[in-house]
């Protein structure tokens, strides 16, 4: 499980919805990678629906592969018997995408939809949510952002680890991703 989430917090329906969301998103995102490899536009992908719109001009093929890796990494952490922290903003965004998809699955089944408490306990903090609001555009480089102690919200820092003790997947390490 992830972060400070108690093992018994999620109902079996919610756990199943998160597993189903993993399969759905990974299938869609693999298709997105193929679309991008064929010269397609990122704006035509399913992935773009789960990401902060204000950074759309920065999303490219490499980013798509790195984000897909984060989704797979977070999915593994969700089913692990060990408690692991999310390692970077990319993983927080991946969990946000999984929860959004899972809530849609639960809503379609008329089941308990709200996973907000789970998301709050699973993420480092709510800073990543600022990325989705145009009102907070530039927060990562501002005095306000420094006063709020926001971390790794600049686009180039999304895959940078929060802590040395919680490494990111090797594929998203900036030293290695340029080899692809």
Protein backbone atom coordinates (compact mmCIF):
# COMPACT_ATOMS: atom_id res chain seq x y z
CA UNK A 1 0.00 0.00 0.00
CA UNK A 2 1.00 3.60 -0.36
CA UNK A 3 2.03 6.14 2.25
CA UNK A 4 -0.02 6.45 5.41
CA UNK A 5 -3.03 4.58 4.04
CA UNK A 6 -4.25 1.95 6.53
CA UNK A 7 -4.54 -1.51 4.99
CA UNK A 8 -8.26 -1.69 5.74
CA UNK A 9 -9.16 1.77 4.43
CA UNK A 10 -10.40 0.68 1.01
CA UNK A 11 -13.42 -1.55 0.51
CA UNK A 12 -12.99 -4.61 -1.71
CA UNK A 13 -15.02 -2.78 -4.39
CA UNK A 14 -12.67 0.21 -4.22
CA UNK A 15 -9.60 -2.04 -4.42
CA UNK A 16 -11.09 -3.84 -7.41
CA UNK A 17 -11.91 -0.51 -9.09
CA UNK A 18 -8.29 0.62 -8.64
CA UNK A 19 -7.04 -2.66 -10.15
CA UNK A 20 -9.46 -2.28 -13.06
CA UNK A 21 -8.43 1.36 -13.49
CA UNK A 22 -4.81 0.20 -13.73
CA UNK A 23 -5.59 -2.18 -16.58
CA UNK A 24 -7.76 0.37 -18.39
CA UNK A 25 -5.23 3.19 -18.13
CA UNK A 26 -2.21 1.08 -18.99
CA UNK A 27 -4.00 -0.28 -22.08
CA UNK A 28 -5.00 3.23 -23.15
CA UNK A 29 -1.58 4.69 -22.43
CA UNK A 30 0.24 1.93 -24.34
CA UNK A 31 -2.05 2.75 -27.28
CA UNK A 32 -1.14 6.42 -26.79
CA UNK A 33 2.56 5.55 -27.07
CA UNK A 34 1.87 3.75 -30.36
CA UNK A 35 -0.14 6.76 -31.56
CA UNK A 36 2.74 9.09 -30.72
CA UNK A 37 5.34 6.79 -32.31
CA UNK A 38 3.28 6.94 -35.51
CA UNK A 39 3.58 10.73 -35.47
CA UNK A 40 0.29 11.46 -33.71
CA UNK A 41 -0.40 14.53 -31.64
CA UNK A 42 -0.31 14.36 -27.84
CA UNK A 43 -3.56 16.31 -27.73
CA UNK A 44 -5.31 13.32 -29.31
CA UNK A 45 -4.24 10.88 -26.59
CA UNK A 46 -6.26 9.56 -23.65
CA UNK A 47 -3.34 10.45 -21.39
CA UNK A 48 -3.84 14.19 -21.86
CA UNK A 49 -7.23 13.94 -20.10
CA UNK A 50 -5.50 13.02 -16.82
CA UNK A 51 -2.76 15.65 -16.87
CA UNK A 52 -2.60 19.36 -16.01
CA UNK A 53 -3.75 21.23 -19.13
CA UNK A 54 -1.47 24.21 -18.60
CA UNK A 55 1.58 22.08 -19.42
CA UNK A 56 0.12 20.58 -22.62
CA UNK A 57 2.76 22.18 -24.84
CA UNK A 58 5.48 20.30 -22.93
CA UNK A 59 3.99 16.81 -23.28
CA UNK A 60 5.78 14.66 -25.83
CA UNK A 61 6.59 11.05 -26.65
CA UNK A 62 9.28 10.69 -23.96
CA UNK A 63 7.03 12.27 -21.34
CA UNK A 64 4.26 9.82 -22.27
CA UNK A 65 6.59 6.87 -21.73
CA UNK A 66 7.80 8.26 -18.41
CA UNK A 67 4.24 8.90 -17.20
CA UNK A 68 3.17 5.40 -18.24
CA UNK A 69 6.06 4.02 -16.15
CA UNK A 70 4.82 6.07 -13.18
CA UNK A 71 1.32 4.62 -13.57
CA UNK A 72 2.75 1.09 -13.61
CA UNK A 73 5.01 1.86 -10.63
CA UNK A 74 2.14 3.28 -8.58
CA UNK A 75 -0.06 0.31 -9.50
CA UNK A 76 2.64 -1.98 -8.13
CA UNK A 77 2.84 0.02 -4.92
CA UNK A 78 -0.96 -0.20 -4.54
CA UNK A 79 -0.91 -3.99 -4.44
CA UNK A 80 2.34 -4.41 -2.53
CA UNK A 81 2.08 -5.72 1.03
CA UNK A 82 4.82 -3.23 1.94
CA UNK A 83 4.03 0.42 2.57
CA UNK A 84 5.83 2.60 0.03
CA UNK A 85 5.79 6.35 -0.37
CA UNK A 86 5.12 7.97 -3.70
CA UNK A 87 8.53 9.04 -4.94
CA UNK A 88 7.81 12.06 -7.13
CA UNK A 89 5.17 14.40 -8.53
CA UNK A 90 4.88 12.10 -11.56
CA UNK A 91 3.79 9.29 -9.26
CA UNK A 92 1.32 11.61 -7.50
CA UNK A 93 -0.15 12.52 -10.89
CA UNK A 94 -0.28 8.83 -11.79
CA UNK A 95 -2.18 8.02 -8.60
CA UNK A 96 -4.51 10.93 -9.30
CA UNK A 97 -5.21 9.44 -12.76
CA UNK A 98 -5.82 5.97 -11.30
CA UNK A 99 -8.18 7.35 -8.65
CA UNK A 100 -10.07 9.43 -11.22
CA UNK A 101 -10.56 6.36 -13.41
CA UNK A 102 -11.48 4.17 -10.41
CA UNK A 103 -14.08 6.71 -9.27
CA UNK A 104 -15.64 6.54 -12.74
CA UNK A 105 -15.78 2.75 -12.50
CA UNK A 106 -17.35 2.92 -9.05
CA UNK A 107 -19.86 5.54 -10.16
CA UNK A 108 -20.94 3.31 -13.05
CA UNK A 109 -21.55 0.51 -10.52
CA UNK A 110 -23.40 2.80 -8.07
CA UNK A 111 -20.78 1.90 -5.47
CA UNK A 112 -18.96 4.07 -2.90
CA UNK A 113 -17.28 6.57 -5.20
CA UNK A 114 -15.34 8.90 -2.94
CA UNK A 115 -11.64 8.08 -2.78
CA UNK A 116 -10.62 11.59 -1.63
CA UNK A 117 -9.56 10.46 1.87
CA UNK A 118 -7.47 7.68 0.33
CA UNK A 119 -5.82 10.11 -2.09
CA UNK A 120 -5.07 12.56 0.72
CA UNK A 121 -3.32 9.90 2.82
CA UNK A 122 -1.49 8.36 -0.14
CA UNK A 123 0.09 11.54 -1.51
CA UNK A 124 2.98 13.52 -0.06
CA UNK A 125 0.74 16.58 0.14
CA UNK A 126 -1.82 18.31 -2.06
CA UNK A 127 0.73 20.50 -3.86
CA UNK A 128 0.38 18.53 -7.11
CA UNK A 129 -3.29 19.63 -7.26
CA UNK A 130 -2.08 23.20 -7.85
CA UNK A 131 -0.81 22.04 -11.24
CA UNK A 132 -4.41 21.58 -12.43
CA UNK A 133 -5.42 25.18 -11.71
CA UNK A 134 -4.53 28.06 -14.02
CA UNK A 135 -4.88 30.34 -10.99
CA UNK A 136 -1.66 28.82 -9.62
CA UNK A 137 0.29 29.07 -12.88
CA UNK A 138 3.92 29.86 -12.02
CA UNK A 139 3.59 28.93 -8.32
CA UNK A 140 6.67 26.72 -8.62
CA UNK A 141 8.86 29.74 -9.39
CA UNK A 142 7.27 32.36 -7.14
CA UNK A 143 7.87 33.82 -3.69
CA UNK A 144 4.47 32.43 -2.71
CA UNK A 145 5.57 28.97 -3.80
CA UNK A 146 8.76 29.23 -1.78
CA UNK A 147 6.77 30.45 1.24
CA UNK A 148 4.35 27.53 0.79
CA UNK A 149 7.35 25.19 0.40
CA UNK A 150 5.97 23.56 -2.73
CA UNK A 151 8.34 20.92 -4.05
CA UNK A 152 9.09 19.66 -7.53
CA UNK A 153 6.17 21.40 -9.26
CA UNK A 154 8.28 22.74 -12.11
CA UNK A 155 7.64 20.53 -15.13
CA UNK A 156 11.28 19.44 -15.36
CA UNK A 157 11.15 18.26 -11.73
CA UNK A 158 8.06 16.03 -11.93
CA UNK A 159 10.16 12.86 -12.03
CA UNK A 160 12.78 14.03 -9.54
CA UNK A 161 12.57 12.06 -6.27
CA UNK A 162 11.23 13.79 -3.17
CA UNK A 163 13.72 11.91 -0.99
CA UNK A 164 16.89 9.90 -1.55
CA UNK A 165 15.31 7.04 0.41
CA UNK A 166 12.43 6.68 -2.08
CA UNK A 167 13.96 6.39 -5.55
CA UNK A 168 12.03 6.80 -8.76
CA UNK A 169 11.86 4.05 -11.38
CA UNK A 170 15.17 3.94 -13.31
CA UNK A 171 13.39 4.72 -16.58
CA UNK A 172 12.31 8.16 -15.37
CA UNK A 173 15.67 9.12 -13.88
CA UNK A 174 16.85 12.13 -15.86
CA UNK A 175 20.30 10.59 -16.29
CA UNK A 176 18.89 7.60 -18.16
CA UNK A 177 15.74 8.69 -19.99
CA UNK A 178 17.75 10.37 -22.75
CA UNK A 179 19.03 6.97 -23.91
CA UNK A 180 15.65 5.93 -25.31
